[in-house]
Amino acid sequence: MASRDEDQIARIEEELTPGVTRRAFLGTAAAVAAAATALAPSEALAGPTPKPLAASPPAGFTPFAAPGRIVKVTKKDCLQANQLYPKPDAAKEMLTKALTELTGKPDLVTAVQQFVHKDDIVVVKVNGIAKQNMGTNKELVLPFLEALIAAGCAPSNITVLEQYGDFLSGTRINAQNVPTGVKVATHNNGNATMDYRLIPGTGTSTKFVKYLTEATAAINFSLIKDHSICGYTGTLKNMTHGCSINPHDFHIHHASPQIAQMYAQDVIKSRVRLCITDGYKVMADGGPLWKRPEMVKPHEAVYATTDPVAMDTIGWEIVEKLRAELKLKTLTEAGREPAYIKAAADLGLGIHERAKIQIKEVAV
């Protein structure tokens, strides 16, 4: 398995090398439209009209949703001495505050119950592509798993998912430290049971992995990072490229509009109930791998929202602010504006217009 992980990571590194992808499109709405036109559909893998794969919440349950609303929780000196990982008590406190402020509920367990029903089958997507230097931290994820169980979810109905074994190791989450009965899985760009589905506007077909299609609810733990192909990688891309079998086929034209079109599929948009962003650090350049540690700075924040587009809009803004402080070009000037974020808003996946995004900032 380690050899396969290494082969896949080598492929990712090759894709991230300048000049490998097709000609750059400027990140504008016009460019996204041009890209969609240029990517003429191929029916080679599309097959018949795909059957609906939307998930439905358990009967009588309506998950909490608040388009355009984000809660940001900060805490000074919340990082451990290595400045890589949050202190466990601080992470749980910040997670609790983020979700109670978002839902208006008095405690973490009751807040979690607003998103997930006890009968749900839950997949928790984490992100460890930058390895242990910058993965979604176990100190943030493990208290959430404990809260899921306290909220009534059976441990056997909870799966922590990552793409490859090396990426999972980057989160420091494993079968030994999750609550008893919780499953930990990697899909290695395989393990999909659905039929191939042509993604509109991309000319490319894919399958989403079974850990997602067999779940009724997904929780998205993402990061705030630069991406050398698509400009910014956060909430949307963690689900699209992290849960499909051929993510490398959706990187041309800076992955715009591919990320938006993939997230718009019923497989994803009907399942993601909550987006939690691990903002303990921000990567301004050199991402998504750990290539330029000097471009990573502490941020000491946790974000919670049900709106992936709003979160990526704010995440992009955070990256641009740090790039300015580091005297770097903007992502637009660098030729890789993440135009897929606006494209996602145009598809009704969330709010991108900055004036309509409400951020509640709380310090603990």
Protein backbone atom coordinates (compact mmCIF):
# COMPACT_ATOMS: atom_id res chain seq x y z
CA MET A 1 0.00 0.00 0.00
CA ALA A 2 2.86 2.39 0.81
CA SER A 3 4.31 1.91 -2.68
CA ARG A 4 0.94 2.69 -4.26
CA ASP A 5 0.61 5.81 -2.13
CA GLU A 6 4.08 6.93 -3.23
CA ASP A 7 3.21 6.35 -6.89
CA GLN A 8 0.04 8.41 -6.59
CA ILE A 9 1.83 11.23 -4.78
CA ALA A 10 4.50 11.25 -7.51
CA ARG A 11 1.70 11.63 -10.05
CA ILE A 12 0.25 14.55 -8.10
CA GLU A 13 3.65 16.22 -7.95
CA GLU A 14 4.01 15.80 -11.72
CA GLU A 15 0.64 17.48 -12.25
CA LEU A 16 1.67 20.36 -10.03
CA THR A 17 4.84 20.99 -12.03
CA PRO A 18 4.53 24.22 -14.07
CA GLY A 19 3.88 23.55 -17.73
CA VAL A 20 2.28 20.14 -17.32
CA THR A 21 -1.33 21.32 -17.52
CA ARG A 22 -2.94 22.82 -20.62
CA ARG A 23 -2.67 26.51 -21.34
CA ALA A 24 -3.69 28.74 -18.46
CA PHE A 25 -7.04 30.47 -18.49
CA LEU A 26 -7.37 33.70 -16.57
CA GLY A 27 -9.66 33.20 -13.59
CA THR A 28 -12.75 35.06 -14.68
CA ALA A 29 -16.35 34.14 -15.27
CA ALA A 30 -15.69 34.52 -19.01
CA ALA A 31 -12.79 32.10 -18.75
CA VAL A 32 -14.94 29.55 -16.96
CA ALA A 33 -17.54 29.79 -19.71
CA ALA A 34 -14.82 29.43 -22.32
CA ALA A 35 -13.42 26.41 -20.54
CA ALA A 36 -16.82 24.76 -20.37
CA THR A 37 -17.27 25.32 -24.10
CA ALA A 38 -13.80 24.07 -24.91
CA LEU A 39 -14.29 20.85 -22.98
CA ALA A 40 -16.59 19.10 -25.45
CA PRO A 41 -18.40 16.13 -23.91
CA SER A 42 -17.14 12.65 -24.65
CA GLU A 43 -19.53 9.75 -24.23
CA ALA A 44 -16.79 7.15 -23.94
CA LEU A 45 -17.47 6.49 -20.28
CA ALA A 46 -20.73 8.31 -19.81
CA GLY A 47 -23.10 5.43 -20.52
CA PRO A 48 -26.84 5.94 -20.07
CA THR A 49 -28.40 8.81 -18.17
CA PRO A 50 -27.14 8.34 -14.62
CA LYS A 51 -29.63 7.27 -12.02
CA PRO A 52 -30.23 9.74 -9.19
CA LEU A 53 -27.96 9.19 -6.21
CA ALA A 54 -29.17 11.93 -3.89
CA ALA A 55 -29.28 11.09 -0.21
CA SER A 56 -32.27 11.95 1.95
CA PRO A 57 -32.14 12.72 5.68
CA PRO A 58 -33.95 10.26 7.96
CA ALA A 59 -37.71 10.74 8.01
CA GLY A 60 -38.80 13.78 9.97
CA PHE A 61 -35.31 15.26 10.22
CA THR A 62 -34.34 18.57 8.61
CA PRO A 63 -30.61 19.36 8.89
CA PHE A 64 -29.64 22.86 10.00
CA ALA A 65 -28.67 25.16 7.12
CA ALA A 66 -27.62 28.80 7.10
CA PRO A 67 -26.51 30.01 3.65
CA GLY A 68 -23.93 32.77 3.78
CA ARG A 69 -23.29 32.44 7.53
CA ILE A 70 -19.86 31.61 8.92
CA VAL A 71 -18.63 31.48 12.50
CA LYS A 72 -14.94 32.15 13.08
CA VAL A 73 -13.48 31.26 16.47
CA THR A 74 -9.99 32.39 17.47
CA LYS A 75 -7.85 31.68 20.50
CA LYS A 76 -4.43 33.14 21.16
CA ASP A 77 -1.59 30.74 21.89
CA CYS A 78 -3.72 27.75 20.92
CA LEU A 79 -0.87 25.97 19.12
CA GLN A 80 1.46 23.47 20.71
CA ALA A 81 5.14 24.31 21.13
CA ASN A 82 5.93 22.91 17.67
CA GLN A 83 3.55 25.51 16.14
CA LEU A 84 2.08 22.76 13.97
CA TYR A 85 -0.74 21.26 16.01
CA PRO A 86 -3.41 22.80 18.24
CA LYS A 87 -3.53 22.04 21.93
CA PRO A 88 -6.23 19.39 22.45
CA ASP A 89 -8.24 21.34 25.03
CA ALA A 90 -8.09 24.49 22.91
CA ALA A 91 -9.23 22.65 19.78
CA LYS A 92 -12.24 21.16 21.53
CA GLU A 93 -13.13 24.52 23.04
CA MET A 94 -12.90 26.23 19.65
CA LEU A 95 -14.92 23.50 17.93
CA THR A 96 -17.61 23.73 20.59
CA LYS A 97 -17.81 27.50 20.34
CA ALA A 98 -17.97 27.44 16.54
CA LEU A 99 -20.87 25.00 16.42
CA THR A 100 -22.84 26.42 19.34
CA GLU A 101 -22.56 29.92 17.90
CA LEU A 102 -23.60 28.69 14.46
CA THR A 103 -26.64 26.76 15.70
CA GLY A 104 -27.58 28.74 18.80
CA LYS A 105 -27.52 25.54 20.87
CA PRO A 106 -25.98 25.35 24.37
CA ASP A 107 -23.46 22.52 23.97
CA LEU A 108 -21.47 20.60 21.40
CA VAL A 109 -23.60 17.46 21.37
CA THR A 110 -26.87 19.34 20.91
CA ALA A 111 -25.25 21.43 18.18
CA VAL A 112 -24.09 18.31 16.34
CA GLN A 113 -27.62 16.92 16.54
CA GLN A 114 -28.76 19.82 14.35
CA PHE A 115 -26.71 18.42 11.47
CA VAL A 116 -26.79 14.67 11.94
CA HIS A 117 -29.59 12.29 12.96
CA LYS A 118 -28.86 9.21 15.03
CA ASP A 119 -29.88 7.01 12.09
CA ASP A 120 -27.55 8.69 9.59
CA ILE A 121 -24.60 6.90 8.04
CA VAL A 122 -21.85 9.49 8.33
CA VAL A 123 -18.63 9.97 6.38
CA VAL A 124 -16.13 12.46 7.77
CA LYS A 125 -13.80 13.67 5.01
CA VAL A 126 -10.44 14.91 6.29
CA ASN A 127 -7.40 16.27 4.43
CA GLY A 128 -3.77 15.31 4.92
CA ILE A 129 -2.17 15.92 1.52
CA ALA A 130 0.49 18.20 3.07
CA LYS A 131 1.26 15.44 5.56
CA GLN A 132 1.66 16.06 9.28
CA ASN A 133 3.01 19.55 8.79
CA MET A 134 -0.42 20.76 7.66
CA GLY A 135 -3.28 18.30 7.78
CA THR A 136 -6.71 18.60 9.33
CA ASN A 137 -5.64 18.06 12.91
CA LYS A 138 -6.79 15.09 14.95
CA GLU A 139 -7.23 17.43 17.92
CA LEU A 140 -10.13 19.05 16.05
CA VAL A 141 -11.62 15.96 14.43
CA LEU A 142 -11.61 13.51 17.35
CA PRO A 143 -13.85 15.63 19.63
CA PHE A 144 -16.31 15.87 16.75
CA LEU A 145 -16.38 12.08 16.42
CA GLU A 146 -17.01 11.79 20.15
CA ALA A 147 -19.85 14.30 19.87
CA LEU A 148 -21.38 12.34 16.97
CA ILE A 149 -21.52 9.24 19.15
CA ALA A 150 -22.87 11.17 22.13
CA ALA A 151 -25.52 12.56 19.76
CA GLY A 152 -26.75 9.01 19.15
CA CYS A 153 -24.87 7.92 16.02
CA ALA A 154 -23.67 4.34 16.12
CA PRO A 155 -19.85 4.21 15.89
CA SER A 156 -20.22 1.53 13.21
CA ASN A 157 -22.08 4.09 11.07
CA ILE A 158 -19.21 6.60 11.16
CA THR A 159 -16.26 6.49 8.74
CA VAL A 160 -13.28 8.83 8.65
CA LEU A 161 -12.18 9.03 5.01
CA GLU A 162 -9.09 10.17 3.18
CA GLN A 163 -7.74 9.57 -0.31
CA TYR A 164 -4.47 7.74 0.41
CA GLY A 165 -2.82 6.16 3.42
CA ASP A 166 -0.05 8.76 3.49
CA PHE A 167 -2.65 11.53 3.48
CA LEU A 168 -4.56 9.90 6.33
CA SER A 169 -1.31 9.67 8.28
CA GLY A 170 -0.96 13.40 7.73
CA THR A 171 -4.01 13.96 9.92
CA ARG A 172 -2.56 11.71 12.66
CA ILE A 173 -5.94 9.98 12.82
CA ASN A 174 -5.84 6.19 12.84
CA ALA A 175 -7.83 3.14 13.89
CA GLN A 176 -6.17 3.19 17.30
CA ASN A 177 -7.12 6.74 18.34
CA VAL A 178 -10.66 7.11 17.01
CA PRO A 179 -13.53 6.14 19.32
CA THR A 180 -14.08 2.38 19.47
CA GLY A 181 -16.11 1.15 16.52
CA VAL A 182 -15.51 4.13 14.24
CA LYS A 183 -14.09 3.08 10.88
CA VAL A 184 -11.06 4.66 9.23
CA ALA A 185 -10.72 4.23 5.47
CA THR A 186 -8.77 5.28 2.39
CA HIS A 187 -10.05 4.82 -1.15
CA ASN A 188 -6.84 5.16 -3.19
CA ASN A 189 -8.79 6.55 -6.17
CA GLY A 190 -10.86 3.39 -6.33
CA ASN A 191 -13.50 1.57 -4.32
CA ALA A 192 -16.48 3.03 -6.20
CA THR A 193 -19.67 1.10 -6.91
CA MET A 194 -21.73 3.67 -8.84
CA ASP A 195 -21.78 3.87 -12.64
CA TYR A 196 -19.56 6.31 -14.48
CA ARG A 197 -21.19 9.72 -14.68
CA LEU A 198 -20.40 12.44 -17.22
CA ILE A 199 -19.87 15.71 -15.35
CA PRO A 200 -21.64 18.48 -17.32
CA GLY A 201 -19.42 21.13 -18.84
CA THR A 202 -16.24 19.11 -18.41
CA GLY A 203 -16.30 16.40 -21.06
CA THR A 204 -15.06 13.96 -18.43
CA SER A 205 -16.71 11.15 -16.51
CA THR A 206 -16.03 9.94 -13.00
CA LYS A 207 -17.28 7.83 -10.14
CA PHE A 208 -17.53 8.97 -6.54
CA VAL A 209 -16.22 6.50 -3.98
CA LYS A 210 -18.54 4.15 -2.13
CA TYR A 211 -17.76 5.65 1.28
CA LEU A 212 -19.56 8.76 0.04
CA THR A 213 -22.34 7.13 -1.97
CA GLU A 214 -23.18 4.71 0.85
CA ALA A 215 -23.37 7.53 3.40
CA THR A 216 -26.44 9.65 4.07
CA ALA A 217 -24.47 12.54 5.59
CA ALA A 218 -21.00 13.98 5.03
CA ILE A 219 -18.97 16.25 7.29
CA ASN A 220 -16.25 18.20 5.49
CA PHE A 221 -13.05 19.04 7.41
CA SER A 222 -10.92 21.27 5.16
CA LEU A 223 -7.94 23.64 5.22
CA ILE A 224 -6.99 27.12 3.94
CA LYS A 225 -4.34 26.67 1.28
CA ASP A 226 -2.85 27.85 -1.96
CA HIS A 227 -3.02 25.36 -4.84
CA SER A 228 -0.56 25.58 -7.71
CA ILE A 229 -3.19 24.50 -10.26
CA CYS A 230 -6.53 25.90 -9.13
CA GLY A 231 -5.27 28.80 -7.01
CA TYR A 232 -7.11 28.00 -3.80
CA THR A 233 -8.06 24.68 -2.27
CA GLY A 234 -10.48 24.51 0.61
CA THR A 235 -14.00 23.27 1.21
CA LEU A 236 -15.32 22.52 -2.29
CA LYS A 237 -12.26 20.74 -3.63
CA ASN A 238 -11.83 18.59 -0.52
CA MET A 239 -15.04 16.81 -1.49
CA THR A 240 -14.79 16.83 -5.29
CA HIS A 241 -11.21 15.77 -5.85
CA GLY A 242 -10.96 13.96 -2.53
CA CYS A 243 -13.90 11.61 -3.17
CA SER A 244 -13.63 10.73 -6.88
CA ILE A 245 -11.63 8.03 -8.63
CA ASN A 246 -9.86 10.19 -11.23
CA PRO A 247 -9.30 13.65 -9.74
CA HIS A 248 -6.30 14.20 -12.01
CA ASP A 249 -8.68 14.36 -14.99
CA PHE A 250 -10.40 17.43 -13.54
CA HIS A 251 -7.40 19.75 -13.18
CA ILE A 252 -7.16 21.41 -16.62
CA HIS A 253 -8.14 25.07 -16.95
CA HIS A 254 -7.29 25.52 -13.26
CA ALA A 255 -10.08 23.06 -12.38
CA SER A 256 -12.67 25.68 -13.30
CA PRO A 257 -15.53 24.94 -13.79
CA GLN A 258 -14.82 21.31 -12.91
CA ILE A 259 -14.83 21.74 -9.13
CA ALA A 260 -18.15 23.58 -9.26
CA GLN A 261 -19.75 21.07 -11.62
CA MET A 262 -18.55 18.10 -9.57
CA TYR A 263 -19.82 19.55 -6.28
CA ALA A 264 -23.17 20.25 -7.96
CA GLN A 265 -23.70 16.52 -8.46
CA ASP A 266 -26.41 15.10 -6.22
CA VAL A 267 -23.90 12.65 -4.76
CA ILE A 268 -22.06 15.48 -3.02
CA LYS A 269 -24.48 18.36 -2.58
CA SER A 270 -27.21 16.22 -1.01
CA ARG A 271 -24.85 14.75 1.57
CA VAL A 272 -22.61 17.50 2.93
CA ARG A 273 -24.29 18.80 6.07
CA LEU A 274 -21.49 20.79 7.71
CA CYS A 275 -18.15 22.32 6.73
CA ILE A 276 -15.51 22.79 9.42
CA THR A 277 -12.31 24.54 8.40
CA ASP A 278 -9.11 23.88 10.30
CA GLY A 279 -7.57 27.34 10.15
CA TYR A 280 -4.75 26.84 12.61
CA LYS A 281 -2.36 27.64 9.77
CA VAL A 282 -2.66 29.23 6.32
CA MET A 283 -0.60 28.29 3.25
CA ALA A 284 -0.05 31.30 0.98
CA ASP A 285 1.97 29.65 -1.79
CA GLY A 286 3.47 26.35 -2.88
CA GLY A 287 0.40 24.27 -2.12
CA PRO A 288 -1.21 21.89 -1.83
CA LEU A 289 1.85 19.86 -0.83
CA TRP A 290 4.35 20.87 1.83
CA LYS A 291 6.87 22.49 -0.50
CA ARG A 292 7.41 26.01 0.86
CA PRO A 293 7.17 26.02 4.66
CA GLU A 294 8.19 29.67 4.71
CA MET A 295 4.84 30.42 3.06
CA VAL A 296 2.84 28.87 5.90
CA LYS A 297 1.89 31.07 8.86
CA PRO A 298 -0.16 30.55 12.05
CA HIS A 299 -3.78 31.68 11.85
CA GLU A 300 -5.20 30.13 15.05
CA ALA A 301 -8.82 29.90 13.95
CA VAL A 302 -11.63 27.42 13.39
CA TYR A 303 -14.49 28.12 10.98
CA ALA A 304 -17.91 26.48 10.81
CA THR A 305 -20.59 26.89 8.15
CA THR A 306 -23.10 25.04 6.03
CA ASP A 307 -22.14 27.12 2.97
CA PRO A 308 -19.06 25.77 1.13
CA VAL A 309 -19.02 28.62 -1.38
CA ALA A 310 -19.05 31.31 1.30
CA MET A 311 -16.27 29.51 3.15
CA ASP A 312 -14.10 29.22 0.05
CA THR A 313 -14.75 32.89 -0.72
CA ILE A 314 -13.44 33.83 2.72
CA GLY A 315 -10.61 31.30 2.55
CA TRP A 316 -9.44 32.77 -0.75
CA GLU A 317 -9.58 36.23 0.84
CA ILE A 318 -7.41 35.00 3.74
CA VAL A 319 -4.83 33.54 1.36
CA GLU A 320 -4.71 36.78 -0.63
CA LYS A 321 -4.16 38.80 2.53
CA LEU A 322 -1.21 36.62 3.51
CA ARG A 323 0.17 36.73 -0.04
CA ALA A 324 0.11 40.53 0.14
CA GLU A 325 1.97 40.47 3.45
CA LEU A 326 4.58 38.19 1.87
CA LYS A 327 4.91 40.48 -1.19
CA LEU A 328 3.50 37.87 -3.57
CA LYS A 329 1.34 38.48 -6.62
CA THR A 330 -2.38 37.97 -6.20
CA LEU A 331 -3.69 34.66 -7.47
CA THR A 332 -5.29 36.52 -10.37
CA GLU A 333 -1.96 38.16 -11.25
CA ALA A 334 -0.31 34.75 -10.96
CA GLY A 335 -2.76 33.43 -13.57
CA ARG A 336 -4.68 31.05 -11.32
CA GLU A 337 -7.66 32.85 -9.87
CA PRO A 338 -10.04 30.23 -8.39
CA ALA A 339 -12.90 31.07 -10.72
CA TYR A 340 -14.66 27.86 -9.77
CA ILE A 341 -15.86 29.52 -6.55
CA LYS A 342 -18.09 31.99 -8.40
CA ALA A 343 -19.09 29.21 -10.78
CA ALA A 344 -20.27 27.22 -7.77
CA ALA A 345 -22.37 30.16 -6.61
CA ASP A 346 -23.86 30.43 -10.09
CA LEU A 347 -24.91 26.78 -9.75
CA GLY A 348 -26.74 27.56 -6.51
CA LEU A 349 -24.26 25.84 -4.20
CA GLY A 350 -23.78 28.83 -1.90
CA ILE A 351 -23.08 32.54 -1.67
CA HIS A 352 -20.05 34.20 -3.23
CA GLU A 353 -21.05 37.87 -3.14
CA ARG A 354 -18.95 39.23 -0.30
CA ALA A 355 -21.57 41.71 0.92
CA LYS A 356 -24.01 38.85 1.48
CA ILE A 357 -21.64 36.73 3.58
CA GLN A 358 -21.99 37.19 7.33
CA ILE A 359 -19.04 36.28 9.53
CA LYS A 360 -19.47 36.13 13.27
CA GLU A 361 -16.06 36.35 14.95
CA VAL A 362 -15.67 35.08 18.49
CA ALA A 363 -12.52 34.97 20.60
CA VAL A 364 -12.23 32.40 23.39
